[in-house]
């Protein structure tokens, strides 16, 4: 069963909360547990959007959503649309 997805603004806020709690002397694992996510999720978020602010992260998500149909069109393996297997990166 899929869990709820956090909005980019919420992700940035949660990352900041963990930084503040860790700065106050709390262990990272306890701080992550307190904001209600798992450690792997926290580290994935930190890797993806560690130094971004809310607006930058929101723009990144918009660009990724915009490029997804193009990516599917040009890199489908069936060879019928786009350039198929010839365009593999």
C-alpha atoms as a PDB file:
ATOM      1  CA  UNK A   1       0.000   0.000   0.000  1.00  0.00           C
ATOM      2  CA  UNK A   2       1.460   3.326  -1.060  1.00  0.00           C
ATOM      3  CA  UNK A   3       1.919   6.015   1.542  1.00  0.00           C
ATOM      4  CA  UNK A   4       1.197   9.687   1.133  1.00  0.00           C
ATOM      5  CA  UNK A   5       3.582  11.768  -0.924  1.00  0.00           C
ATOM      6  CA  UNK A   6       4.957  14.919   0.586  1.00  0.00           C
ATOM      7  CA  UNK A   7       4.915  18.127  -1.418  1.00  0.00           C
ATOM      8  CA  UNK A   8       8.276  19.714  -2.205  1.00  0.00           C
ATOM      9  CA  UNK A   9       7.632  22.483   0.339  1.00  0.00           C
ATOM     10  CA  UNK A  10       6.968  19.910   3.045  1.00  0.00           C
ATOM     11  CA  UNK A  11      10.153  18.017   2.185  1.00  0.00           C
ATOM     12  CA  UNK A  12      12.278  21.143   2.566  1.00  0.00           C
ATOM     13  CA  UNK A  13      10.598  21.968   5.880  1.00  0.00           C
ATOM     14  CA  UNK A  14      11.162  18.456   7.213  1.00  0.00           C
ATOM     15  CA  UNK A  15      14.820  18.505   6.177  1.00  0.00           C
ATOM     16  CA  UNK A  16      15.203  21.829   7.977  1.00  0.00           C
ATOM     17  CA  UNK A  17      13.462  20.438  11.087  1.00  0.00           C
ATOM     18  CA  UNK A  18      15.936  17.564  11.234  1.00  0.00           C
ATOM     19  CA  UNK A  19      18.844  20.019  10.928  1.00  0.00           C
ATOM     20  CA  UNK A  20      17.482  22.099  13.801  1.00  0.00           C
ATOM     21  CA  UNK A  21      16.844  19.075  16.032  1.00  0.00           C
ATOM     22  CA  UNK A  22      20.290  17.680  15.277  1.00  0.00           C
ATOM     23  CA  UNK A  23      21.804  21.076  16.066  1.00  0.00           C
ATOM     24  CA  UNK A  24      20.097  20.941  19.461  1.00  0.00           C
ATOM     25  CA  UNK A  25      21.911  17.699  20.237  1.00  0.00           C
ATOM     26  CA  UNK A  26      19.369  15.101  19.145  1.00  0.00           C
ATOM     27  CA  UNK A  27      20.660  12.103  17.192  1.00  0.00           C
ATOM     28  CA  UNK A  28      19.804  12.056  13.477  1.00  0.00           C
ATOM     29  CA  UNK A  29      17.862   8.796  13.769  1.00  0.00           C
ATOM     30  CA  UNK A  30      15.717  10.221  16.595  1.00  0.00           C
ATOM     31  CA  UNK A  31      15.131  13.499  14.744  1.00  0.00           C
ATOM     32  CA  UNK A  32      14.084  11.644  11.595  1.00  0.00           C
ATOM     33  CA  UNK A  33      11.723   9.468  13.592  1.00  0.00           C
ATOM     34  CA  UNK A  34      10.222  12.573  15.204  1.00  0.00           C
ATOM     35  CA  UNK A  35       9.300  14.152  11.839  1.00  0.00           C
ATOM     36  CA  UNK A  36       7.582  10.925  10.800  1.00  0.00           C
ATOM     37  CA  UNK A  37       9.705   9.504   7.978  1.00  0.00           C
ATOM     38  CA  UNK A  38      12.095   6.595   7.691  1.00  0.00           C
ATOM     39  CA  UNK A  39      15.859   7.036   7.633  1.00  0.00           C
ATOM     40  CA  UNK A  40      16.214   5.870   4.006  1.00  0.00           C
ATOM     41  CA  UNK A  41      13.576   8.411   2.958  1.00  0.00           C
ATOM     42  CA  UNK A  42      15.363  11.170   4.844  1.00  0.00           C
ATOM     43  CA  UNK A  43      18.732  10.372   3.254  1.00  0.00           C
ATOM     44  CA  UNK A  44      17.151  10.124  -0.222  1.00  0.00           C
ATOM     45  CA  UNK A  45      15.484  13.520   0.247  1.00  0.00           C
ATOM     46  CA  UNK A  46      18.724  15.020   1.527  1.00  0.00           C
ATOM     47  CA  UNK A  47      20.626  13.673  -1.472  1.00  0.00           C
ATOM     48  CA  UNK A  48      18.025  14.966  -3.950  1.00  0.00           C
ATOM     49  CA  UNK A  49      17.229  18.357  -2.470  1.00  0.00           C
ATOM     50  CA  UNK A  50      19.664  19.050   0.337  1.00  0.00           C
ATOM     51  CA  UNK A  51      20.710  22.609  -0.498  1.00  0.00           C
ATOM     52  CA  UNK A  52      17.578  23.793  -2.285  1.00  0.00           C
ATOM     53  CA  UNK A  53      14.991  26.209  -1.067  1.00  0.00           C
ATOM     54  CA  UNK A  54      11.263  25.692  -1.606  1.00  0.00           C
ATOM     55  CA  UNK A  55      11.018  27.582  -4.889  1.00  0.00           C
ATOM     56  CA  UNK A  56      13.974  25.767  -6.451  1.00  0.00           C
ATOM     57  CA  UNK A  57      12.615  22.377  -5.468  1.00  0.00           C
ATOM     58  CA  UNK A  58       9.147  23.218  -6.752  1.00  0.00           C
ATOM     59  CA  UNK A  59      10.617  24.302 -10.102  1.00  0.00           C
ATOM     60  CA  UNK A  60      12.686  21.109 -10.322  1.00  0.00           C
ATOM     61  CA  UNK A  61       9.581  18.958  -9.809  1.00  0.00           C
ATOM     62  CA  UNK A  62       7.715  20.947 -12.485  1.00  0.00           C
ATOM     63  CA  UNK A  63      10.549  20.450 -14.976  1.00  0.00           C
ATOM     64  CA  UNK A  64      10.739  16.723 -14.249  1.00  0.00           C
ATOM     65  CA  UNK A  65       6.993  16.353 -14.803  1.00  0.00           C
ATOM     66  CA  UNK A  66       7.242  18.352 -18.031  1.00  0.00           C
ATOM     67  CA  UNK A  67      10.086  16.227 -19.435  1.00  0.00           C
ATOM     68  CA  UNK A  68       8.591  12.823 -18.558  1.00  0.00           C
ATOM     69  CA  UNK A  69       6.329  12.545 -21.658  1.00  0.00           C
ATOM     70  CA  UNK A  70       9.255  13.508 -23.894  1.00  0.00           C
ATOM     71  CA  UNK A  71      11.484  10.944 -22.233  1.00  0.00           C
ATOM     72  CA  UNK A  72       8.864   8.240 -22.745  1.00  0.00           C
ATOM     73  CA  UNK A  73       8.417   9.238 -26.386  1.00  0.00           C
ATOM     74  CA  UNK A  74      12.086   9.246 -27.336  1.00  0.00           C
ATOM     75  CA  UNK A  75      13.368   6.337 -25.293  1.00  0.00           C
ATOM     76  CA  UNK A  76      10.706   3.663 -25.771  1.00  0.00           C
ATOM     77  CA  UNK A  77      12.344   0.341 -26.636  1.00  0.00           C
ATOM     78  CA  UNK A  78       9.716  -0.734 -29.200  1.00  0.00           C
ATOM     79  CA  UNK A  79      11.362   1.257 -31.998  1.00  0.00           C
ATOM     80  CA  UNK A  80       8.031   2.499 -33.346  1.00  0.00           C
ATOM     81  CA  UNK A  81       8.139   5.997 -31.900  1.00  0.00           C
ATOM     82  CA  UNK A  82      11.048   8.363 -31.629  1.00  0.00           C
ATOM     83  CA  UNK A  83      14.355   6.709 -32.281  1.00  0.00           C
ATOM     84  CA  UNK A  84      13.804   3.713 -29.988  1.00  0.00           C
ATOM     85  CA  UNK A  85      16.819   1.600 -29.096  1.00  0.00           C
ATOM     86  CA  UNK A  86      19.195   3.693 -31.234  1.00  0.00           C
ATOM     87  CA  UNK A  87      18.996   6.591 -28.743  1.00  0.00           C
ATOM     88  CA  UNK A  88      19.977   4.737 -25.594  1.00  0.00           C
ATOM     89  CA  UNK A  89      22.215   6.806 -23.380  1.00  0.00           C
END
